[in-house]
N, C-alpha and C. Protein backbone atom coordinates (compact mmCIF):
# COMPACT_ATOMS: atom_id res chain seq x y z
N MET A 1 53.72 169.41 136.42
CA MET A 1 54.96 169.05 137.07
C MET A 1 56.02 168.85 135.99
N PHE A 2 57.21 168.92 136.39
CA PHE A 2 58.40 168.65 135.57
C PHE A 2 59.41 167.92 136.38
N TYR A 3 60.15 166.94 135.70
CA TYR A 3 61.24 166.36 136.37
C TYR A 3 62.24 165.92 135.34
N GLU A 4 63.53 165.95 135.66
CA GLU A 4 64.57 165.31 134.81
C GLU A 4 64.48 163.81 135.06
N THR A 5 64.69 163.16 133.94
CA THR A 5 64.42 161.69 133.95
C THR A 5 65.19 160.89 134.95
N ASP A 6 66.35 161.42 135.33
CA ASP A 6 67.12 160.66 136.31
C ASP A 6 66.86 161.17 137.76
N LYS A 7 65.87 162.08 137.91
CA LYS A 7 65.59 162.66 139.22
C LYS A 7 64.11 162.60 139.52
N ARG A 8 63.40 161.56 139.05
CA ARG A 8 62.02 161.44 139.30
C ARG A 8 61.73 161.25 140.84
N ASP A 9 60.73 161.93 141.31
CA ASP A 9 60.30 161.80 142.67
C ASP A 9 59.53 160.45 142.85
N LYS A 10 60.17 159.46 143.35
CA LYS A 10 59.58 158.14 143.45
C LYS A 10 58.53 158.01 144.48
N THR A 11 58.49 159.00 145.33
CA THR A 11 57.41 158.99 146.33
C THR A 11 56.06 159.41 145.67
N LEU A 12 56.19 160.35 144.68
CA LEU A 12 55.10 160.82 143.91
C LEU A 12 54.72 159.94 142.76
N LEU A 13 55.77 159.49 142.08
CA LEU A 13 55.69 158.60 140.89
C LEU A 13 56.54 157.36 141.10
N PRO A 14 56.02 156.37 141.90
CA PRO A 14 56.85 155.21 142.17
C PRO A 14 57.09 154.35 140.92
N HIS A 15 56.20 154.46 139.93
CA HIS A 15 56.38 153.68 138.68
C HIS A 15 56.59 154.74 137.55
N ASP A 16 57.65 154.47 136.73
CA ASP A 16 58.05 155.30 135.66
C ASP A 16 56.90 155.52 134.67
N PRO A 17 56.40 156.72 134.43
CA PRO A 17 55.25 156.90 133.53
C PRO A 17 55.57 157.01 132.09
N PHE A 18 56.86 156.87 131.70
CA PHE A 18 57.32 157.04 130.36
C PHE A 18 56.47 156.23 129.36
N LYS A 19 56.33 154.91 129.56
CA LYS A 19 55.60 154.03 128.69
C LYS A 19 54.14 154.36 128.61
N ALA A 20 53.60 154.88 129.80
CA ALA A 20 52.19 155.25 129.85
C ALA A 20 51.91 156.47 129.04
N LEU A 21 52.89 157.36 128.87
CA LEU A 21 52.66 158.58 128.13
C LEU A 21 52.75 158.33 126.56
N ILE A 22 53.61 157.40 126.17
CA ILE A 22 53.77 157.02 124.77
C ILE A 22 52.79 155.89 124.49
N ALA A 23 51.54 156.23 124.36
CA ALA A 23 50.47 155.21 124.33
C ALA A 23 49.27 155.71 123.54
N PRO A 24 48.54 154.80 122.92
CA PRO A 24 48.79 153.37 122.84
C PRO A 24 49.85 153.02 121.82
N ARG A 25 50.54 151.94 121.98
CA ARG A 25 51.61 151.52 121.06
C ARG A 25 51.17 150.14 120.39
N PRO A 26 51.26 150.03 119.11
CA PRO A 26 50.93 148.75 118.54
C PRO A 26 51.91 147.64 119.06
N ILE A 27 51.43 146.45 119.17
CA ILE A 27 52.25 145.38 119.67
C ILE A 27 52.97 144.66 118.55
N GLY A 28 54.23 144.48 118.71
CA GLY A 28 55.00 143.73 117.77
C GLY A 28 55.03 142.26 118.15
N TRP A 29 54.04 141.50 117.75
CA TRP A 29 53.96 140.11 118.10
C TRP A 29 54.76 139.34 116.98
N VAL A 30 56.00 139.04 117.33
CA VAL A 30 56.99 138.62 116.26
C VAL A 30 57.26 137.12 116.35
N SER A 31 57.16 136.46 115.25
CA SER A 31 57.57 135.04 115.17
C SER A 31 58.80 134.96 114.30
N THR A 32 59.71 134.06 114.73
CA THR A 32 61.02 133.83 114.04
C THR A 32 61.36 132.42 114.09
N MET A 33 62.32 132.02 113.18
CA MET A 33 62.88 130.70 113.22
C MET A 33 64.36 130.83 112.93
N ASN A 34 65.19 130.12 113.73
CA ASN A 34 66.66 130.22 113.51
C ASN A 34 67.05 129.17 112.50
N LYS A 35 68.36 129.11 112.12
CA LYS A 35 68.81 128.25 111.11
C LYS A 35 68.63 126.76 111.48
N ALA A 36 68.61 126.50 112.84
CA ALA A 36 68.42 125.11 113.29
C ALA A 36 67.01 124.67 113.30
N GLY A 37 66.09 125.58 112.99
CA GLY A 37 64.70 125.19 112.93
C GLY A 37 63.96 125.43 114.18
N GLN A 38 64.53 126.04 115.21
CA GLN A 38 63.87 126.41 116.44
C GLN A 38 63.02 127.66 116.21
N VAL A 39 61.79 127.70 116.81
CA VAL A 39 60.92 128.84 116.54
C VAL A 39 60.75 129.63 117.81
N ASN A 40 60.45 130.83 117.67
CA ASN A 40 60.18 131.78 118.82
C ASN A 40 58.98 132.69 118.52
N LEU A 41 58.27 133.03 119.51
CA LEU A 41 57.18 133.98 119.42
C LEU A 41 57.14 134.86 120.62
N ALA A 42 57.15 136.20 120.38
CA ALA A 42 57.22 137.12 121.58
C ALA A 42 56.54 138.44 121.18
N PRO A 43 55.87 139.00 122.22
CA PRO A 43 55.29 140.38 121.91
C PRO A 43 56.29 141.49 122.33
N TYR A 44 56.35 142.51 121.54
CA TYR A 44 57.27 143.57 121.75
C TYR A 44 56.52 144.91 121.93
N SER A 45 56.79 145.57 123.10
CA SER A 45 56.09 146.86 123.38
C SER A 45 56.60 147.98 122.49
N PHE A 46 57.88 147.90 122.08
CA PHE A 46 58.44 148.98 121.24
C PHE A 46 58.41 148.45 119.78
N PHE A 47 57.41 148.83 119.04
CA PHE A 47 57.18 148.36 117.67
C PHE A 47 56.40 149.42 116.90
N ASN A 48 56.67 149.49 115.67
CA ASN A 48 55.86 150.41 114.80
C ASN A 48 56.25 150.26 113.30
N ALA A 49 55.47 151.01 112.46
CA ALA A 49 55.83 151.10 111.05
C ALA A 49 56.61 152.43 110.89
N PHE A 50 57.60 152.38 109.98
CA PHE A 50 58.42 153.52 109.76
C PHE A 50 58.49 154.10 108.37
N SER A 51 57.90 153.33 107.44
CA SER A 51 57.92 153.81 106.02
C SER A 51 56.80 153.07 105.29
N GLY A 52 56.26 153.76 104.26
CA GLY A 52 55.22 153.17 103.50
C GLY A 52 55.75 152.63 102.16
N ALA A 53 56.77 153.27 101.58
CA ALA A 53 57.41 152.81 100.34
C ALA A 53 58.89 152.98 100.39
N PRO A 54 59.59 151.92 100.64
CA PRO A 54 59.05 150.62 100.89
C PRO A 54 58.49 150.45 102.26
N PRO A 55 57.55 149.45 102.40
CA PRO A 55 56.99 149.25 103.75
C PRO A 55 57.98 148.71 104.76
N LEU A 56 58.33 149.49 105.77
CA LEU A 56 59.31 149.02 106.77
C LEU A 56 58.68 149.07 108.14
N ILE A 57 58.87 148.02 108.98
CA ILE A 57 58.50 147.95 110.31
C ILE A 57 59.68 147.61 111.18
N GLY A 58 59.56 147.85 112.46
CA GLY A 58 60.70 147.52 113.33
C GLY A 58 60.28 147.24 114.72
N PHE A 59 61.07 146.43 115.43
CA PHE A 59 60.82 146.15 116.83
C PHE A 59 62.12 146.35 117.58
N SER A 60 62.02 146.77 118.83
CA SER A 60 63.18 147.01 119.62
C SER A 60 63.26 146.01 120.80
N SER A 61 64.36 145.35 120.89
CA SER A 61 64.58 144.31 121.91
C SER A 61 65.42 144.85 123.07
N GLU A 62 64.88 144.76 124.27
CA GLU A 62 65.64 145.19 125.46
C GLU A 62 66.52 144.00 125.90
N GLY A 63 67.73 143.91 125.33
CA GLY A 63 68.61 142.76 125.58
C GLY A 63 68.58 141.88 124.35
N GLU A 64 69.54 140.93 124.31
CA GLU A 64 69.65 140.03 123.15
C GLU A 64 68.76 138.83 123.32
N LYS A 65 67.51 139.10 123.05
CA LYS A 65 66.46 138.04 123.25
C LYS A 65 66.35 137.16 121.98
N ASP A 66 65.68 136.03 122.09
CA ASP A 66 65.57 135.10 121.00
C ASP A 66 65.00 135.69 119.70
N SER A 67 63.95 136.49 119.83
CA SER A 67 63.38 137.03 118.61
C SER A 67 64.36 137.86 117.81
N MET A 68 65.17 138.66 118.57
CA MET A 68 66.24 139.47 117.87
C MET A 68 67.30 138.58 117.29
N THR A 69 67.81 137.67 118.06
CA THR A 69 68.91 136.86 117.59
C THR A 69 68.47 135.86 116.48
N PHE A 70 67.25 135.38 116.62
CA PHE A 70 66.76 134.44 115.49
C PHE A 70 66.52 135.28 114.20
N ALA A 71 66.04 136.48 114.36
CA ALA A 71 65.77 137.31 113.18
C ALA A 71 67.06 137.69 112.46
N ILE A 72 68.10 138.00 113.26
CA ILE A 72 69.35 138.42 112.67
C ILE A 72 69.98 137.21 112.00
N GLU A 73 69.91 136.04 112.67
CA GLU A 73 70.53 134.83 112.14
C GLU A 73 69.84 134.41 110.84
N SER A 74 68.57 134.46 110.79
CA SER A 74 67.82 134.00 109.62
C SER A 74 67.57 135.11 108.61
N GLY A 75 67.61 136.36 109.04
CA GLY A 75 67.32 137.48 108.15
C GLY A 75 65.83 137.67 107.89
N GLU A 76 64.99 137.05 108.73
CA GLU A 76 63.60 137.10 108.48
C GLU A 76 62.71 137.18 109.78
N PHE A 77 61.56 137.68 109.69
CA PHE A 77 60.59 137.51 110.80
C PHE A 77 59.22 137.77 110.28
N VAL A 78 58.22 137.47 111.09
CA VAL A 78 56.82 137.72 110.76
C VAL A 78 56.18 138.51 111.90
N TRP A 79 55.47 139.49 111.49
CA TRP A 79 54.58 140.24 112.48
C TRP A 79 53.18 139.67 112.40
N ASN A 80 52.64 139.33 113.58
CA ASN A 80 51.31 138.84 113.70
C ASN A 80 50.41 139.85 114.44
N MET A 81 49.28 140.19 113.95
CA MET A 81 48.39 141.14 114.70
C MET A 81 47.91 140.48 115.97
N ALA A 82 48.16 141.20 117.09
CA ALA A 82 47.61 140.76 118.35
C ALA A 82 46.16 141.32 118.56
N THR A 83 45.20 140.53 118.81
CA THR A 83 43.79 140.99 118.87
C THR A 83 43.24 140.74 120.25
N PHE A 84 42.08 141.30 120.47
CA PHE A 84 41.42 141.16 121.83
C PHE A 84 41.17 139.66 122.08
N ASP A 85 40.74 138.95 120.99
CA ASP A 85 40.48 137.47 121.18
C ASP A 85 41.70 136.68 121.47
N LEU A 86 42.87 137.17 121.17
CA LEU A 86 44.13 136.50 121.39
C LEU A 86 44.97 137.12 122.47
N ARG A 87 44.31 137.94 123.36
CA ARG A 87 45.08 138.68 124.30
C ARG A 87 45.77 137.81 125.32
N PHE A 88 45.13 136.73 125.76
CA PHE A 88 45.76 135.86 126.80
C PHE A 88 46.97 135.11 126.22
N GLN A 89 46.81 134.68 125.02
CA GLN A 89 47.89 133.92 124.33
C GLN A 89 49.07 134.90 124.11
N MET A 90 48.76 136.14 123.73
CA MET A 90 49.75 137.10 123.52
C MET A 90 50.56 137.33 124.78
N SER A 91 49.86 137.48 125.90
CA SER A 91 50.50 137.66 127.16
C SER A 91 51.35 136.45 127.57
N ASP A 92 50.76 135.25 127.39
CA ASP A 92 51.50 134.02 127.76
C ASP A 92 52.76 133.80 126.91
N SER A 93 52.74 134.37 125.78
CA SER A 93 53.94 134.17 124.84
C SER A 93 55.12 134.95 125.35
N SER A 94 54.95 135.82 126.34
CA SER A 94 56.04 136.62 126.91
C SER A 94 56.71 135.85 128.08
N ALA A 95 56.26 134.60 128.38
CA ALA A 95 56.86 133.86 129.48
C ALA A 95 58.36 133.55 129.22
N PRO A 96 59.16 133.58 130.25
CA PRO A 96 60.61 133.36 130.05
C PRO A 96 60.98 131.93 129.88
N LEU A 97 60.65 131.40 128.63
CA LEU A 97 61.01 130.04 128.35
C LEU A 97 62.51 129.87 128.04
N GLY A 98 63.00 128.69 128.03
CA GLY A 98 64.40 128.45 127.67
C GLY A 98 64.57 128.66 126.16
N ARG A 99 65.80 128.94 125.80
CA ARG A 99 66.10 129.19 124.38
C ARG A 99 65.77 127.99 123.58
N GLY A 100 65.00 128.21 122.49
CA GLY A 100 64.58 127.12 121.67
C GLY A 100 63.23 126.47 122.01
N GLU A 101 62.73 126.77 123.24
CA GLU A 101 61.43 126.27 123.56
C GLU A 101 60.37 127.04 122.82
N SER A 102 59.37 126.32 122.25
CA SER A 102 58.36 127.00 121.43
C SER A 102 57.31 127.72 122.23
N GLU A 103 57.13 128.97 122.04
CA GLU A 103 55.97 129.70 122.59
C GLU A 103 54.63 129.18 121.97
N PHE A 104 54.68 128.71 120.79
CA PHE A 104 53.49 128.25 120.12
C PHE A 104 52.97 127.05 120.92
N ALA A 105 53.86 126.15 121.26
CA ALA A 105 53.46 124.99 122.04
C ALA A 105 53.03 125.40 123.40
N HIS A 106 53.71 126.42 124.04
CA HIS A 106 53.41 126.87 125.38
C HIS A 106 52.05 127.48 125.43
N THR A 107 51.64 128.22 124.45
CA THR A 107 50.33 129.01 124.42
C THR A 107 49.20 128.16 123.78
N GLY A 108 49.59 127.11 123.06
CA GLY A 108 48.54 126.32 122.37
C GLY A 108 48.13 127.01 121.05
N LEU A 109 48.89 127.99 120.57
CA LEU A 109 48.53 128.59 119.28
C LEU A 109 48.91 127.71 118.14
N GLU A 110 47.99 127.59 117.14
CA GLU A 110 48.23 126.84 115.98
C GLU A 110 48.99 127.64 114.94
N THR A 111 50.01 127.07 114.36
CA THR A 111 50.81 127.76 113.32
C THR A 111 50.29 127.49 111.95
N GLU A 112 50.75 128.41 111.02
CA GLU A 112 50.53 128.07 109.58
C GLU A 112 51.79 128.59 108.90
N PRO A 113 52.17 127.93 107.75
CA PRO A 113 53.40 128.42 107.11
C PRO A 113 53.26 129.74 106.40
N ALA A 114 54.31 130.46 106.43
CA ALA A 114 54.39 131.65 105.61
C ALA A 114 54.68 131.30 104.17
N ARG A 115 54.51 132.27 103.25
CA ARG A 115 54.76 132.00 101.85
C ARG A 115 56.20 132.25 101.40
N LEU A 116 56.81 133.31 102.03
CA LEU A 116 58.09 133.81 101.53
C LEU A 116 59.25 133.71 102.52
N VAL A 117 58.96 133.40 103.80
CA VAL A 117 59.93 133.26 104.80
C VAL A 117 59.71 131.96 105.55
N ARG A 118 60.71 131.51 106.30
CA ARG A 118 60.60 130.21 107.00
C ARG A 118 59.87 130.31 108.33
N ALA A 119 59.81 131.47 108.90
CA ALA A 119 59.18 131.67 110.27
C ALA A 119 57.71 131.30 110.13
N PRO A 120 57.21 130.57 111.17
CA PRO A 120 55.76 130.26 111.12
C PRO A 120 54.91 131.48 111.47
N MET A 121 53.63 131.42 111.15
CA MET A 121 52.69 132.47 111.50
C MET A 121 51.67 131.94 112.44
N ILE A 122 50.98 132.88 113.10
CA ILE A 122 49.82 132.51 114.02
C ILE A 122 48.61 132.39 113.18
N LYS A 123 48.05 131.19 113.07
CA LYS A 123 46.92 130.95 112.18
C LYS A 123 45.72 131.77 112.53
N ALA A 124 45.49 131.98 113.85
CA ALA A 124 44.23 132.70 114.25
C ALA A 124 44.35 134.20 114.15
N SER A 125 45.55 134.69 113.87
CA SER A 125 45.68 136.16 113.72
C SER A 125 45.12 136.59 112.38
N PRO A 126 44.32 137.67 112.39
CA PRO A 126 43.68 138.09 111.13
C PRO A 126 44.62 138.83 110.11
N ALA A 127 45.78 139.22 110.56
CA ALA A 127 46.69 139.87 109.62
C ALA A 127 48.14 139.53 110.05
N LYS A 128 48.92 139.30 108.98
CA LYS A 128 50.31 138.97 109.24
C LYS A 128 51.19 139.62 108.17
N LEU A 129 52.37 140.04 108.53
CA LEU A 129 53.31 140.63 107.62
C LEU A 129 54.61 139.83 107.54
N GLU A 130 54.96 139.32 106.38
CA GLU A 130 56.24 138.56 106.27
C GLU A 130 57.36 139.63 105.97
N CYS A 131 58.47 139.53 106.63
CA CYS A 131 59.49 140.57 106.51
C CYS A 131 60.88 139.95 106.35
N LYS A 132 61.78 140.73 105.67
CA LYS A 132 63.15 140.48 105.51
C LYS A 132 63.88 141.55 106.34
N VAL A 133 64.85 141.18 107.13
CA VAL A 133 65.63 142.06 107.92
C VAL A 133 66.47 142.94 107.00
N VAL A 134 66.41 144.28 107.16
CA VAL A 134 67.19 145.20 106.38
C VAL A 134 68.30 145.94 107.18
N ASP A 135 68.06 146.13 108.47
CA ASP A 135 68.94 146.85 109.33
C ASP A 135 68.79 146.41 110.77
N VAL A 136 69.86 146.46 111.55
CA VAL A 136 69.83 146.21 112.91
C VAL A 136 70.72 147.31 113.56
N PHE A 137 70.13 147.98 114.58
CA PHE A 137 70.82 149.12 115.16
C PHE A 137 71.07 148.79 116.68
N HIS A 138 72.31 148.86 117.11
CA HIS A 138 72.62 148.76 118.51
C HIS A 138 72.48 150.22 119.09
N LEU A 139 71.39 150.41 119.81
CA LEU A 139 71.04 151.75 120.24
C LEU A 139 72.00 152.38 121.23
N ARG A 140 72.15 153.67 121.15
CA ARG A 140 73.06 154.39 121.98
C ARG A 140 72.33 155.40 122.86
N ASP A 141 72.90 155.84 123.95
CA ASP A 141 72.39 156.92 124.77
C ASP A 141 72.99 158.24 124.29
N MET A 142 72.64 159.39 124.92
CA MET A 142 73.08 160.64 124.44
C MET A 142 74.55 160.91 124.62
N THR A 143 75.24 160.02 125.35
CA THR A 143 76.74 160.15 125.46
C THR A 143 77.45 159.35 124.34
N GLY A 144 76.61 158.58 123.62
CA GLY A 144 77.28 157.80 122.54
C GLY A 144 77.54 156.37 123.02
N ALA A 145 77.28 156.09 124.28
CA ALA A 145 77.55 154.75 124.77
C ALA A 145 76.42 153.79 124.32
N HIS A 146 76.81 152.57 123.95
CA HIS A 146 75.80 151.55 123.61
C HIS A 146 75.00 151.19 124.79
N THR A 147 73.64 151.00 124.52
CA THR A 147 72.77 150.45 125.54
C THR A 147 72.62 148.99 125.33
N SER A 148 71.73 148.32 126.10
CA SER A 148 71.45 146.93 125.90
C SER A 148 70.31 146.74 124.94
N ASN A 149 69.91 147.77 124.24
CA ASN A 149 68.78 147.73 123.31
C ASN A 149 69.10 147.64 121.90
N TYR A 150 68.34 146.89 121.11
CA TYR A 150 68.56 146.71 119.69
C TYR A 150 67.27 146.96 118.89
N LEU A 151 67.43 147.62 117.73
CA LEU A 151 66.29 147.85 116.90
C LEU A 151 66.45 147.10 115.63
N VAL A 152 65.50 146.18 115.37
CA VAL A 152 65.51 145.30 114.17
C VAL A 152 64.55 145.86 113.17
N MET A 153 64.97 146.24 112.02
CA MET A 153 64.12 146.79 110.94
C MET A 153 63.95 145.73 109.86
N GLY A 154 62.66 145.63 109.43
CA GLY A 154 62.40 144.65 108.37
C GLY A 154 61.55 145.27 107.23
N GLN A 155 61.80 144.81 106.04
CA GLN A 155 60.94 145.27 104.95
C GLN A 155 59.88 144.22 104.72
N VAL A 156 58.67 144.70 104.61
CA VAL A 156 57.51 143.79 104.41
C VAL A 156 57.53 143.32 102.99
N ILE A 157 57.53 142.03 102.82
CA ILE A 157 57.58 141.36 101.42
C ILE A 157 56.29 140.64 101.15
N GLY A 158 55.48 140.32 102.16
CA GLY A 158 54.28 139.62 101.96
C GLY A 158 53.20 140.01 103.01
N VAL A 159 51.96 140.14 102.56
CA VAL A 159 50.86 140.58 103.49
C VAL A 159 49.78 139.54 103.46
N HIS A 160 49.33 139.09 104.62
CA HIS A 160 48.22 138.21 104.78
C HIS A 160 47.06 138.92 105.48
N ILE A 161 45.88 138.92 104.97
CA ILE A 161 44.73 139.56 105.50
C ILE A 161 43.52 138.55 105.39
N ASP A 162 42.83 138.32 106.49
CA ASP A 162 41.62 137.50 106.49
C ASP A 162 40.54 138.25 105.63
N GLU A 163 40.17 137.66 104.55
CA GLU A 163 39.23 138.42 103.59
C GLU A 163 37.91 138.70 104.20
N SER A 164 37.51 138.03 105.29
CA SER A 164 36.21 138.32 105.94
C SER A 164 36.19 139.71 106.51
N TYR A 165 37.30 140.34 106.67
CA TYR A 165 37.39 141.70 107.20
C TYR A 165 37.53 142.74 106.20
N ILE A 166 37.41 142.38 104.92
CA ILE A 166 37.53 143.36 103.81
C ILE A 166 36.10 143.67 103.26
N GLU A 167 35.79 144.96 103.21
CA GLU A 167 34.43 145.32 102.72
C GLU A 167 34.70 146.50 101.74
N ASN A 168 34.21 146.37 100.52
CA ASN A 168 34.31 147.44 99.48
C ASN A 168 35.72 147.89 99.36
N GLY A 169 36.69 146.92 99.41
CA GLY A 169 38.16 147.25 99.14
C GLY A 169 38.76 147.89 100.34
N ILE A 170 38.11 147.99 101.51
CA ILE A 170 38.71 148.60 102.75
C ILE A 170 38.76 147.59 103.82
N VAL A 171 39.93 147.47 104.48
CA VAL A 171 40.05 146.55 105.60
C VAL A 171 39.37 147.14 106.84
N GLN A 172 38.48 146.41 107.38
CA GLN A 172 37.74 146.85 108.57
C GLN A 172 38.51 146.52 109.80
N VAL A 173 39.48 147.35 110.12
CA VAL A 173 40.42 147.02 111.22
C VAL A 173 39.74 147.00 112.53
N THR A 174 38.70 147.83 112.72
CA THR A 174 38.03 147.89 114.06
C THR A 174 37.34 146.50 114.39
N ARG A 175 36.93 145.82 113.34
CA ARG A 175 36.33 144.49 113.56
C ARG A 175 37.36 143.45 113.98
N MET A 176 38.63 143.63 113.55
CA MET A 176 39.71 142.77 114.03
C MET A 176 39.99 142.98 115.45
N LYS A 177 39.70 144.17 116.02
CA LYS A 177 39.97 144.49 117.41
C LYS A 177 41.42 144.27 117.81
N PRO A 178 42.36 144.96 117.11
CA PRO A 178 43.79 144.86 117.57
C PRO A 178 43.94 145.48 118.88
N ILE A 179 44.84 144.94 119.68
CA ILE A 179 45.10 145.55 121.00
C ILE A 179 46.46 146.24 120.96
N SER A 180 46.63 147.21 121.87
CA SER A 180 47.79 148.07 121.92
C SER A 180 48.33 148.02 123.38
N ARG A 181 49.60 148.29 123.49
CA ARG A 181 50.26 148.36 124.78
C ARG A 181 50.24 149.74 125.35
N CYS A 182 49.90 149.88 126.60
CA CYS A 182 49.95 151.20 127.26
C CYS A 182 51.03 151.05 128.37
N GLY A 183 50.92 151.77 129.45
CA GLY A 183 51.89 151.69 130.52
C GLY A 183 51.50 150.73 131.57
N TYR A 184 52.34 150.51 132.47
CA TYR A 184 52.10 149.66 133.66
C TYR A 184 51.68 148.25 133.18
N GLN A 185 50.52 147.76 133.60
CA GLN A 185 50.00 146.48 133.10
C GLN A 185 48.77 146.68 132.23
N ASP A 186 48.72 147.83 131.60
CA ASP A 186 47.54 148.24 130.83
C ASP A 186 47.65 148.02 129.30
N TYR A 187 46.47 147.69 128.77
CA TYR A 187 46.36 147.58 127.33
C TYR A 187 45.09 148.27 126.84
N SER A 188 44.99 148.53 125.56
CA SER A 188 43.75 149.09 124.99
C SER A 188 43.33 148.33 123.74
N VAL A 189 42.06 148.41 123.45
CA VAL A 189 41.59 147.69 122.24
C VAL A 189 41.15 148.76 121.24
N PHE A 190 41.46 148.56 119.99
CA PHE A 190 41.18 149.53 118.92
C PHE A 190 39.85 149.02 118.24
N ASP A 191 38.71 149.66 118.63
CA ASP A 191 37.43 149.25 118.12
C ASP A 191 36.56 150.44 117.65
N GLU A 192 37.19 151.59 117.48
CA GLU A 192 36.39 152.74 117.02
C GLU A 192 37.36 153.73 116.29
N VAL A 193 36.89 154.29 115.22
CA VAL A 193 37.66 155.27 114.48
C VAL A 193 36.79 156.50 114.23
N PHE A 194 37.50 157.63 113.97
CA PHE A 194 36.83 158.81 113.35
C PHE A 194 37.68 159.36 112.26
N SER A 195 37.06 160.08 111.32
CA SER A 195 37.74 160.58 110.17
C SER A 195 37.88 162.15 110.22
N MET A 196 38.99 162.59 109.71
CA MET A 196 39.21 164.03 109.63
C MET A 196 39.89 164.34 108.27
N LYS A 197 39.43 165.47 107.61
CA LYS A 197 40.13 165.90 106.35
C LYS A 197 41.28 166.65 106.71
N ARG A 198 42.40 166.39 105.92
CA ARG A 198 43.66 167.12 106.12
C ARG A 198 43.56 168.46 105.44
N PRO A 199 44.41 169.40 105.82
CA PRO A 199 44.50 170.63 105.14
C PRO A 199 44.82 170.49 103.67
N ALA A 200 44.30 171.38 102.84
CA ALA A 200 44.60 171.32 101.45
C ALA A 200 46.07 171.28 101.16
N GLY A 201 46.52 170.39 100.32
CA GLY A 201 47.91 170.31 99.98
C GLY A 201 48.78 169.53 100.92
N ALA A 202 48.18 169.06 102.06
CA ALA A 202 48.96 168.39 103.04
C ALA A 202 49.37 167.01 102.51
N GLY A 203 48.53 166.31 101.87
CA GLY A 203 48.85 165.03 101.35
C GLY A 203 49.20 164.08 102.48
N ASN A 204 50.02 163.10 102.18
CA ASN A 204 50.43 162.11 103.16
C ASN A 204 51.61 162.58 104.00
N ALA A 205 52.31 163.66 103.59
CA ALA A 205 53.47 164.15 104.26
C ALA A 205 53.15 164.73 105.63
N ALA A 206 52.05 165.51 105.70
CA ALA A 206 51.78 166.22 106.97
C ALA A 206 51.47 165.31 108.13
N ALA A 207 50.72 164.29 107.92
CA ALA A 207 50.29 163.42 109.00
C ALA A 207 50.97 162.04 109.01
N GLY A 208 51.89 161.85 108.02
CA GLY A 208 52.63 160.61 108.04
C GLY A 208 51.91 159.40 107.53
N GLY A 209 50.81 159.52 106.85
CA GLY A 209 50.15 158.34 106.30
C GLY A 209 48.72 158.57 105.98
């Protein structure tokens, strides 16, 4: 089938399949602190890594939500890996609390201090990335009109890894069981990998990493 995005047959596809097709997507579980010391924690469906050198990650906020505004105000944020064991707390942290109300307190998640930024980290998460904001983009549509969406880009300046998941110098990510966002109300868990050799001369450029 084919349809133009603004002409979807809602009798056949009552729910927009766009997010289900771009799947699985890593979850941007972002913690921030504003200048007043208020903290925020929220999961973002639109999140990924964009560069290895320098290491850059970004999350897109649909509307001017606290994570975005706190990150812009402070110039910092932390990405916390969402895992299968933390799935319920991850979901609960998306509750529409009032501005300045702590999702850490709401979910019962214990914090731990970061080394290089003020935003707290999720103690139980096996991997965390401390970031400095380098760019904020107010996203536009194809007509050039601004949307209500913002992309916050951060450079990773500090990496935390639970050493119990490191074997022979390799991080055993499958043991961490990170979860990913799919479409609708669906998630997936990353617990299996396979290896493939790249074509000769392809290096990192061909497959992006």
